[in-house]
Amino acid sequence: MLPKLEEIQRRRKILNFTQKKLALLSGVSQSLIAKIETDRIDPSYKNVKKIFSTLDREEEKNISRRKAKDFHNTKIIGVQKSGTIIEASQLMNKHGYSQLIVYDGDIISGSISEDNITNYISKGKALESLPNVKVRDIMSAEFPQVEETTPLEPITYLLRHSPAVLTTRKGVVVGMITKADLFKLIIK
């Protein structure tokens, strides 16, 4: 089943296409696009399918051209490795994150995620002991880092093996990408 015809104009504008460009890529006339968008015609299934196929293809290309800087989150939250997992949990909860960077002073020294905490608890550790457990005792390795100009494909590969990827500019961390950020990109 095809989407509603009103989607054509909305999706065309997101791609920053003129009616003429969409028509050319779809193999239909510009006037047909204009008439569909102003609801002055009941187009054939064949032409509508051509238009939506073109929109789908161009949106997929558009996503794959994205660079890390186009969708990374510049609000980076971290916790000190000398902090407790209670502090880490509170930060995750407050900011809606499921993972954090772990710092040793100003230097990134690892990562901590909800998985680290749930794995610790699932090993039979008493909940009463949590306030005394330090982040350094359960943290994981650092998140992988890529330049902010890195294309989407290697980032998606890294996200299959890591809960987050850090983005850098000239060696300085400027953002973080999580699976949730990737899903937001797809939804847009």
Foldseek 3Di string as FASTA:
>chain_A
DDDDLCVLVVLCVVLVHQLCRLCVQLVHHSVVNVCSNVVNDDDDPVSSVSSVVSSVVSLVVVQQQDFQLVQFAQDADAEEQQAFVVVVVVVCVVVVHQKHFYDPVPHGFFMDGVVLVVVVVVVVDDPVCRRVHGNNVRTHGHQAEEARRHTDVVLVVSQVVDQKYFYDDPPHTRGMDGVVSVVVSVVD
